[in-house]
Amino acid sequence: MLIAVGLGVGALWVRSLTLYIVHRKVLNTYRYLEHAAHYVIGALALTLLIGLFYEIPEMYVGLIGLLVIGAAIASSVKDKSDADVEKI
């Protein structure tokens, strides 16, 4: 029962975060964020497969996601600032 409640709360949080992102048009500002989400899902799938044979600490799996998302945000900000400089 506790796991079901935790999954429900997590799903609601992700849904509300997604709605916030859509309503605020965040993806227009961070244009590489959607691609990074797909890469993180692929990396998670890969680590799950590798985890069948080798022990992978959870910290490394989380860091992979943070690094990919962070790189996407940094690239989006850099790309936007480069586009703003070209307008001048």
PDB file of N, CA and C in Angstrom:
ATOM      1  N   MET A   1       0.827  -1.192   0.000  1.00  0.00           N
ATOM      2  CA  MET A   1       0.000   0.000   0.000  1.00  0.00           C
ATOM      3  C   MET A   1       0.876   1.264   0.000  1.00  0.00           C
ATOM      4  N   LEU A   2       1.950   1.226   0.776  1.00  0.00           N
ATOM      5  CA  LEU A   2       2.839   2.385   0.864  1.00  0.00           C
ATOM      6  C   LEU A   2       3.500   2.671  -0.487  1.00  0.00           C
ATOM      7  N   ILE A   3       3.884   1.629  -1.191  1.00  0.00           N
ATOM      8  CA  ILE A   3       4.503   1.812  -2.509  1.00  0.00           C
ATOM      9  C   ILE A   3       3.495   2.414  -3.483  1.00  0.00           C
ATOM     10  N   ALA A   4       2.260   1.958  -3.451  1.00  0.00           N
ATOM     11  CA  ALA A   4       1.225   2.487  -4.342  1.00  0.00           C
ATOM     12  C   ALA A   4       0.972   3.962  -4.067  1.00  0.00           C
ATOM     13  N   VAL A   5       0.935   4.338  -2.794  1.00  0.00           N
ATOM     14  CA  VAL A   5       0.735   5.751  -2.443  1.00  0.00           C
ATOM     15  C   VAL A   5       1.930   6.585  -2.932  1.00  0.00           C
ATOM     16  N   GLY A   6       3.128   6.068  -2.742  1.00  0.00           N
ATOM     17  CA  GLY A   6       4.321   6.780  -3.195  1.00  0.00           C
ATOM     18  C   GLY A   6       4.338   6.961  -4.701  1.00  0.00           C
ATOM     19  N   LEU A   7       3.962   5.926  -5.437  1.00  0.00           N
ATOM     20  CA  LEU A   7       3.907   6.046  -6.897  1.00  0.00           C
ATOM     21  C   LEU A   7       2.831   7.038  -7.335  1.00  0.00           C
ATOM     22  N   GLY A   8       1.699   7.038  -6.638  1.00  0.00           N
ATOM     23  CA  GLY A   8       0.635   7.982  -6.967  1.00  0.00           C
ATOM     24  C   GLY A   8       1.051   9.416  -6.734  1.00  0.00           C
ATOM     25  N   VAL A   9       1.689   9.679  -5.609  1.00  0.00           N
ATOM     26  CA  VAL A   9       2.163  11.037  -5.310  1.00  0.00           C
ATOM     27  C   VAL A   9       3.224  11.455  -6.326  1.00  0.00           C
ATOM     28  N   GLY A  10       4.123  10.553  -6.657  1.00  0.00           N
ATOM     29  CA  GLY A  10       5.155  10.863  -7.650  1.00  0.00           C
ATOM     30  C   GLY A  10       4.559  11.163  -9.012  1.00  0.00           C
ATOM     31  N   ALA A  11       3.556  10.389  -9.413  1.00  0.00           N
ATOM     32  CA  ALA A  11       2.900  10.612 -10.710  1.00  0.00           C
ATOM     33  C   ALA A  11       2.191  11.960 -10.732  1.00  0.00           C
ATOM     34  N   LEU A  12       1.535  12.316  -9.635  1.00  0.00           N
ATOM     35  CA  LEU A  12       0.868  13.618  -9.572  1.00  0.00           C
ATOM     36  C   LEU A  12       1.869  14.766  -9.630  1.00  0.00           C
ATOM     37  N   TRP A  13       3.000  14.604  -8.964  1.00  0.00           N
ATOM     38  CA  TRP A  13       4.024  15.645  -8.976  1.00  0.00           C
ATOM     39  C   TRP A  13       4.582  15.829 -10.387  1.00  0.00           C
ATOM     40  N   VAL A  14       4.884  14.717 -11.072  1.00  0.00           N
ATOM     41  CA  VAL A  14       5.407  14.806 -12.433  1.00  0.00           C
ATOM     42  C   VAL A  14       4.373  15.428 -13.362  1.00  0.00           C
ATOM     43  N   ARG A  15       3.097  15.079 -13.186  1.00  0.00           N
ATOM     44  CA  ARG A  15       2.036  15.649 -14.015  1.00  0.00           C
ATOM     45  C   ARG A  15       1.931  17.156 -13.797  1.00  0.00           C
ATOM     46  N   SER A  16       1.955  17.584 -12.552  1.00  0.00           N
ATOM     47  CA  SER A  16       1.842  19.021 -12.288  1.00  0.00           C
ATOM     48  C   SER A  16       3.071  19.771 -12.799  1.00  0.00           C
ATOM     49  N   LEU A  17       4.244  19.171 -12.692  1.00  0.00           N
ATOM     50  CA  LEU A  17       5.449  19.791 -13.234  1.00  0.00           C
ATOM     51  C   LEU A  17       5.355  19.903 -14.755  1.00  0.00           C
ATOM     52  N   THR A  18       4.853  18.864 -15.406  1.00  0.00           N
ATOM     53  CA  THR A  18       4.696  18.884 -16.854  1.00  0.00           C
ATOM     54  C   THR A  18       3.701  19.966 -17.283  1.00  0.00           C
ATOM     55  N   LEU A  19       2.589  20.069 -16.583  1.00  0.00           N
ATOM     56  CA  LEU A  19       1.611  21.118 -16.901  1.00  0.00           C
ATOM     57  C   LEU A  19       2.200  22.506 -16.704  1.00  0.00           C
ATOM     58  N   TYR A  20       2.985  22.687 -15.655  1.00  0.00           N
ATOM     59  CA  TYR A  20       3.648  23.968 -15.410  1.00  0.00           C
ATOM     60  C   TYR A  20       4.574  24.318 -16.574  1.00  0.00           C
ATOM     61  N   ILE A  21       5.349  23.324 -17.017  1.00  0.00           N
ATOM     62  CA  ILE A  21       6.287  23.549 -18.121  1.00  0.00           C
ATOM     63  C   ILE A  21       5.542  23.911 -19.400  1.00  0.00           C
ATOM     64  N   VAL A  22       4.430  23.231 -19.659  1.00  0.00           N
ATOM     65  CA  VAL A  22       3.664  23.496 -20.873  1.00  0.00           C
ATOM     66  C   VAL A  22       3.003  24.874 -20.814  1.00  0.00           C
ATOM     67  N   HIS A  23       2.386  25.215 -19.694  1.00  0.00           N
ATOM     68  CA  HIS A  23       1.686  26.507 -19.581  1.00  0.00           C
ATOM     69  C   HIS A  23       2.656  27.688 -19.598  1.00  0.00           C
ATOM     70  N   ARG A  24       3.832  27.532 -19.034  1.00  0.00           N
ATOM     71  CA  ARG A  24       4.816  28.623 -19.002  1.00  0.00           C
ATOM     72  C   ARG A  24       5.668  28.677 -20.268  1.00  0.00           C
ATOM     73  N   LYS A  25       5.457  27.720 -21.183  1.00  0.00           N
ATOM     74  CA  LYS A  25       6.211  27.640 -22.451  1.00  0.00           C
ATOM     75  C   LYS A  25       7.715  27.579 -22.199  1.00  0.00           C
ATOM     76  N   VAL A  26       8.086  26.763 -21.226  1.00  0.00           N
ATOM     77  CA  VAL A  26       9.495  26.609 -20.864  1.00  0.00           C
ATOM     78  C   VAL A  26      10.276  25.943 -21.988  1.00  0.00           C
ATOM     79  N   LEU A  27       9.614  25.044 -22.735  1.00  0.00           N
ATOM     80  CA  LEU A  27      10.323  24.348 -23.807  1.00  0.00           C
ATOM     81  C   LEU A  27      10.730  25.276 -24.935  1.00  0.00           C
ATOM     82  N   ASN A  28      10.076  26.441 -25.048  1.00  0.00           N
ATOM     83  CA  ASN A  28      10.527  27.427 -26.027  1.00  0.00           C
ATOM     84  C   ASN A  28      11.847  28.049 -25.596  1.00  0.00           C
ATOM     85  N   THR A  29      12.041  28.197 -24.292  1.00  0.00           N
ATOM     86  CA  THR A  29      13.273  28.772 -23.769  1.00  0.00           C
ATOM     87  C   THR A  29      14.398  27.743 -23.756  1.00  0.00           C
ATOM     88  N   TYR A  30      14.072  26.538 -23.311  1.00  0.00           N
ATOM     89  CA  TYR A  30      15.066  25.458 -23.222  1.00  0.00           C
ATOM     90  C   TYR A  30      14.768  24.444 -24.319  1.00  0.00           C
ATOM     91  N   ARG A  31      15.225  24.747 -25.517  1.00  0.00           N
ATOM     92  CA  ARG A  31      14.842  23.963 -26.684  1.00  0.00           C
ATOM     93  C   ARG A  31      15.435  22.560 -26.703  1.00  0.00           C
ATOM     94  N   TYR A  32      16.511  22.300 -25.974  1.00  0.00           N
ATOM     95  CA  TYR A  32      17.130  20.969 -25.974  1.00  0.00           C
ATOM     96  C   TYR A  32      16.654  20.100 -24.819  1.00  0.00           C
ATOM     97  N   LEU A  33      15.760  20.612 -23.993  1.00  0.00           N
ATOM     98  CA  LEU A  33      15.321  19.885 -22.802  1.00  0.00           C
ATOM     99  C   LEU A  33      14.530  18.626 -23.159  1.00  0.00           C
ATOM    100  N   GLU A  34      13.688  18.701 -24.164  1.00  0.00           N
ATOM    101  CA  GLU A  34      12.896  17.535 -24.552  1.00  0.00           C
ATOM    102  C   GLU A  34      13.798  16.414 -25.064  1.00  0.00           C
ATOM    103  N   HIS A  35      14.795  16.755 -25.845  1.00  0.00           N
ATOM    104  CA  HIS A  35      15.723  15.751 -26.347  1.00  0.00           C
ATOM    105  C   HIS A  35      16.495  15.108 -25.200  1.00  0.00           C
ATOM    106  N   ALA A  36      16.888  15.930 -24.249  1.00  0.00           N
ATOM    107  CA  ALA A  36      17.639  15.412 -23.104  1.00  0.00           C
ATOM    108  C   ALA A  36      16.800  14.422 -22.306  1.00  0.00           C
ATOM    109  N   ALA A  37      15.506  14.684 -22.191  1.00  0.00           N
ATOM    110  CA  ALA A  37      14.633  13.760 -21.478  1.00  0.00           C
ATOM    111  C   ALA A  37      14.632  12.395 -22.150  1.00  0.00           C
ATOM    112  N   HIS A  38      14.626  12.384 -23.470  1.00  0.00           N
ATOM    113  CA  HIS A  38      14.680  11.109 -24.193  1.00  0.00           C
ATOM    114  C   HIS A  38      16.020  10.406 -23.973  1.00  0.00           C
ATOM    115  N   TYR A  39      17.092  11.166 -23.977  1.00  0.00           N
ATOM    116  CA  TYR A  39      18.410  10.574 -23.731  1.00  0.00           C
ATOM    117  C   TYR A  39      18.506   9.994 -22.322  1.00  0.00           C
ATOM    118  N   VAL A  40      17.924  10.678 -21.357  1.00  0.00           N
ATOM    119  CA  VAL A  40      17.954  10.193 -19.973  1.00  0.00           C
ATOM    120  C   VAL A  40      17.160   8.896 -19.851  1.00  0.00           C
ATOM    121  N   ILE A  41      16.019   8.817 -20.527  1.00  0.00           N
ATOM    122  CA  ILE A  41      15.235   7.580 -20.498  1.00  0.00           C
ATOM    123  C   ILE A  41      16.033   6.441 -21.122  1.00  0.00           C
ATOM    124  N   GLY A  42      16.727   6.711 -22.215  1.00  0.00           N
ATOM    125  CA  GLY A  42      17.583   5.689 -22.832  1.00  0.00           C
ATOM    126  C   GLY A  42      18.721   5.276 -21.923  1.00  0.00           C
ATOM    127  N   ALA A  43      19.338   6.245 -21.249  1.00  0.00           N
ATOM    128  CA  ALA A  43      20.419   5.934 -20.316  1.00  0.00           C
ATOM    129  C   ALA A  43      19.906   5.112 -19.135  1.00  0.00           C
ATOM    130  N   LEU A  44      18.707   5.439 -18.658  1.00  0.00           N
ATOM    131  CA  LEU A  44      18.112   4.675 -17.571  1.00  0.00           C
ATOM    132  C   LEU A  44      17.847   3.242 -18.002  1.00  0.00           C
ATOM    133  N   ALA A  45      17.328   3.062 -19.213  1.00  0.00           N
ATOM    134  CA  ALA A  45      17.097   1.711 -19.721  1.00  0.00           C
ATOM    135  C   ALA A  45      18.403   0.937 -19.828  1.00  0.00           C
ATOM    136  N   LEU A  46      19.443   1.602 -20.300  1.00  0.00           N
ATOM    137  CA  LEU A  46      20.744   0.949 -20.426  1.00  0.00           C
ATOM    138  C   LEU A  46      21.307   0.558 -19.062  1.00  0.00           C
ATOM    139  N   THR A  47      21.187   1.449 -18.085  1.00  0.00           N
ATOM    140  CA  THR A  47      21.704   1.118 -16.756  1.00  0.00           C
ATOM    141  C   THR A  47      20.892   0.002 -16.107  1.00  0.00           C
ATOM    142  N   LEU A  48      19.595  -0.065 -16.413  1.00  0.00           N
ATOM    143  CA  LEU A  48      18.789  -1.172 -15.898  1.00  0.00           C
ATOM    144  C   LEU A  48      19.236  -2.497 -16.501  1.00  0.00           C
ATOM    145  N   LEU A  49      19.550  -2.483 -17.791  1.00  0.00           N
ATOM    146  CA  LEU A  49      20.049  -3.714 -18.423  1.00  0.00           C
ATOM    147  C   LEU A  49      21.413  -4.115 -17.874  1.00  0.00           C
ATOM    148  N   ILE A  50      22.301  -3.152 -17.736  1.00  0.00           N
ATOM    149  CA  ILE A  50      23.626  -3.447 -17.174  1.00  0.00           C
ATOM    150  C   ILE A  50      23.493  -3.899 -15.733  1.00  0.00           C
ATOM    151  N   GLY A  51      22.515  -3.343 -15.020  1.00  0.00           N
ATOM    152  CA  GLY A  51      22.289  -3.703 -13.629  1.00  0.00           C
ATOM    153  C   GLY A  51      21.890  -5.154 -13.425  1.00  0.00           C
ATOM    154  N   LEU A  52      21.442  -5.810 -14.480  1.00  0.00           N
ATOM    155  CA  LEU A  52      21.156  -7.240 -14.374  1.00  0.00           C
ATOM    156  C   LEU A  52      22.424  -8.054 -14.136  1.00  0.00           C
ATOM    157  N   PHE A  53      23.550  -7.555 -14.607  1.00  0.00           N
ATOM    158  CA  PHE A  53      24.801  -8.291 -14.524  1.00  0.00           C
ATOM    159  C   PHE A  53      25.808  -7.687 -13.553  1.00  0.00           C
ATOM    160  N   TYR A  54      25.754  -6.388 -13.365  1.00  0.00           N
ATOM    161  CA  TYR A  54      26.699  -5.690 -12.498  1.00  0.00           C
ATOM    162  C   TYR A  54      25.940  -4.772 -11.546  1.00  0.00           C
ATOM    163  N   GLU A  55      26.499  -4.556 -10.385  1.00  0.00           N
ATOM    164  CA  GLU A  55      25.909  -3.638  -9.401  1.00  0.00           C
ATOM    165  C   GLU A  55      26.278  -2.205  -9.780  1.00  0.00           C
ATOM    166  N   ILE A  56      25.278  -1.375 -10.021  1.00  0.00           N
ATOM    167  CA  ILE A  56      25.500   0.035 -10.342  1.00  0.00           C
ATOM    168  C   ILE A  56      24.907   0.859  -9.204  1.00  0.00           C
ATOM    169  N   PRO A  57      25.738   1.638  -8.519  1.00  0.00           N
ATOM    170  CA  PRO A  57      25.198   2.472  -7.434  1.00  0.00           C
ATOM    171  C   PRO A  57      24.162   3.473  -7.952  1.00  0.00           C
ATOM    172  N   GLU A  58      23.126   3.683  -7.169  1.00  0.00           N
ATOM    173  CA  GLU A  58      22.049   4.596  -7.562  1.00  0.00           C
ATOM    174  C   GLU A  58      22.550   6.014  -7.775  1.00  0.00           C
ATOM    175  N   MET A  59      23.585   6.381  -7.045  1.00  0.00           N
ATOM    176  CA  MET A  59      24.129   7.728  -7.180  1.00  0.00           C
ATOM    177  C   MET A  59      24.621   7.969  -8.612  1.00  0.00           C
ATOM    178  N   TYR A  60      25.233   6.979  -9.218  1.00  0.00           N
ATOM    179  CA  TYR A  60      25.730   7.142 -10.584  1.00  0.00           C
ATOM    180  C   TYR A  60      24.591   7.279 -11.584  1.00  0.00           C
ATOM    181  N   VAL A  61      23.535   6.514 -11.377  1.00  0.00           N
ATOM    182  CA  VAL A  61      22.382   6.609 -12.276  1.00  0.00           C
ATOM    183  C   VAL A  61      21.762   8.002 -12.184  1.00  0.00           C
ATOM    184  N   GLY A  62      21.617   8.517 -10.971  1.00  0.00           N
ATOM    185  CA  GLY A  62      21.084   9.868 -10.789  1.00  0.00           C
ATOM    186  C   GLY A  62      21.995  10.927 -11.377  1.00  0.00           C
ATOM    187  N   LEU A  63      23.305  10.754 -11.216  1.00  0.00           N
ATOM    188  CA  LEU A  63      24.246  11.728 -11.772  1.00  0.00           C
ATOM    189  C   LEU A  63      24.208  11.768 -13.290  1.00  0.00           C
ATOM    190  N   ILE A  64      24.011  10.607 -13.907  1.00  0.00           N
ATOM    191  CA  ILE A  64      23.906  10.581 -15.369  1.00  0.00           C
ATOM    192  C   ILE A  64      22.734  11.455 -15.815  1.00  0.00           C
ATOM    193  N   GLY A  65      21.595  11.288 -15.158  1.00  0.00           N
ATOM    194  CA  GLY A  65      20.428  12.093 -15.499  1.00  0.00           C
ATOM    195  C   GLY A  65      20.659  13.576 -15.278  1.00  0.00           C
ATOM    196  N   LEU A  66      21.244  13.908 -14.131  1.00  0.00           N
ATOM    197  CA  LEU A  66      21.508  15.322 -13.835  1.00  0.00           C
ATOM    198  C   LEU A  66      22.481  15.945 -14.827  1.00  0.00           C
ATOM    199  N   LEU A  67      23.510  15.198 -15.203  1.00  0.00           N
ATOM    200  CA  LEU A  67      24.494  15.729 -16.147  1.00  0.00           C
ATOM    201  C   LEU A  67      23.882  15.969 -17.525  1.00  0.00           C
ATOM    202  N   VAL A  68      23.064  15.025 -17.986  1.00  0.00           N
ATOM    203  CA  VAL A  68      22.451  15.183 -19.311  1.00  0.00           C
ATOM    204  C   VAL A  68      21.471  16.356 -19.310  1.00  0.00           C
ATOM    205  N   ILE A  69      20.628  16.444 -18.290  1.00  0.00           N
ATOM    206  CA  ILE A  69      19.668  17.546 -18.205  1.00  0.00           C
ATOM    207  C   ILE A  69      20.406  18.881 -18.035  1.00  0.00           C
ATOM    208  N   GLY A  70      21.437  18.899 -17.200  1.00  0.00           N
ATOM    209  CA  GLY A  70      22.226  20.117 -17.016  1.00  0.00           C
ATOM    210  C   GLY A  70      22.901  20.563 -18.296  1.00  0.00           C
ATOM    211  N   ALA A  71      23.437  19.607 -19.062  1.00  0.00           N
ATOM    212  CA  ALA A  71      24.072  19.950 -20.337  1.00  0.00           C
ATOM    213  C   ALA A  71      23.049  20.495 -21.324  1.00  0.00           C
ATOM    214  N   ALA A  72      21.839  19.948 -21.307  1.00  0.00           N
ATOM    215  CA  ALA A  72      20.794  20.438 -22.203  1.00  0.00           C
ATOM    216  C   ALA A  72      20.386  21.864 -21.847  1.00  0.00           C
ATOM    217  N   ILE A  73      20.255  22.136 -20.575  1.00  0.00           N
ATOM    218  CA  ILE A  73      19.893  23.493 -20.147  1.00  0.00           C
ATOM    219  C   ILE A  73      21.007  24.473 -20.490  1.00  0.00           C
ATOM    220  N   ALA A  74      22.251  24.082 -20.228  1.00  0.00           N
ATOM    221  CA  ALA A  74      23.377  24.958 -20.549  1.00  0.00           C
ATOM    222  C   ALA A  74      23.471  25.211 -22.051  1.00  0.00           C
ATOM    223  N   SER A  75      23.260  24.184 -22.855  1.00  0.00           N
ATOM    224  CA  SER A  75      23.294  24.354 -24.308  1.00  0.00           C
ATOM    225  C   SER A  75      22.160  25.250 -24.789  1.00  0.00           C
ATOM    226  N   SER A  76      20.989  25.105 -24.180  1.00  0.00           N
ATOM    227  CA  SER A  76      19.849  25.943 -24.561  1.00  0.00           C
ATOM    228  C   SER A  76      20.112  27.404 -24.240  1.00  0.00           C
ATOM    229  N   VAL A  77      20.667  27.662 -23.063  1.00  0.00           N
ATOM    230  CA  VAL A  77      20.967  29.037 -22.660  1.00  0.00           C
ATOM    231  C   VAL A  77      22.033  29.635 -23.577  1.00  0.00           C
ATOM    232  N   LYS A  78      23.073  28.849 -23.881  1.00  0.00           N
ATOM    233  CA  LYS A  78      24.140  29.327 -24.763  1.00  0.00           C
ATOM    234  C   LYS A  78      23.604  29.596 -26.162  1.00  0.00           C
ATOM    235  N   ASP A  79      22.776  28.690 -26.666  1.00  0.00           N
ATOM    236  CA  ASP A  79      22.204  28.863 -27.995  1.00  0.00           C
ATOM    237  C   ASP A  79      21.325  30.105 -28.060  1.00  0.00           C
ATOM    238  N   LYS A  80      20.557  30.343 -27.009  1.00  0.00           N
ATOM    239  CA  LYS A  80      19.683  31.525 -26.966  1.00  0.00           C
ATOM    240  C   LYS A  80      20.512  32.807 -26.886  1.00  0.00           C
ATOM    241  N   SER A  81      21.584  32.787 -26.092  1.00  0.00           N
ATOM    242  CA  SER A  81      22.416  33.994 -25.993  1.00  0.00           C
ATOM    243  C   SER A  81      23.163  34.253 -27.293  1.00  0.00           C
ATOM    244  N   ASP A  82      23.578  33.187 -27.990  1.00  0.00           N
ATOM    245  CA  ASP A  82      24.227  33.363 -29.290  1.00  0.00           C
ATOM    246  C   ASP A  82      23.247  33.946 -30.305  1.00  0.00           C
ATOM    247  N   ALA A  83      22.003  33.511 -30.250  1.00  0.00           N
ATOM    248  CA  ALA A  83      20.986  34.035 -31.174  1.00  0.00           C
ATOM    249  C   ALA A  83      20.689  35.497 -30.861  1.00  0.00           C
ATOM    250  N   ASP A  84      20.699  35.874 -29.588  1.00  0.00           N
ATOM    251  CA  ASP A  84      20.466  37.258 -29.214  1.00  0.00           C
ATOM    252  C   ASP A  84      21.612  38.157 -29.674  1.00  0.00           C
ATOM    253  N   VAL A  85      22.842  37.658 -29.634  1.00  0.00           N
ATOM    254  CA  VAL A  85      24.007  38.428 -30.077  1.00  0.00           C
ATOM    255  C   VAL A  85      23.942  38.635 -31.579  1.00  0.00           C
ATOM    256  N   GLU A  86      23.491  37.612 -32.322  1.00  0.00           N
ATOM    257  CA  GLU A  86      23.400  37.736 -33.778  1.00  0.00           C
ATOM    258  C   GLU A  86      22.366  38.762 -34.204  1.00  0.00           C
ATOM    259  N   LYS A  87      21.337  38.998 -33.384  1.00  0.00           N
ATOM    260  CA  LYS A  87      20.303  39.983 -33.714  1.00  0.00           C
ATOM    261  C   LYS A  87      20.836  41.401 -33.678  1.00  0.00           C
ATOM    262  N   ILE A  88      21.876  41.598 -32.863  1.00  0.00           N
ATOM    263  CA  ILE A  88      22.419  42.955 -32.669  1.00  0.00           C
ATOM    264  C   ILE A  88      23.251  43.390 -33.825  1.00  0.00           C
TER     265      ILE A  88
END
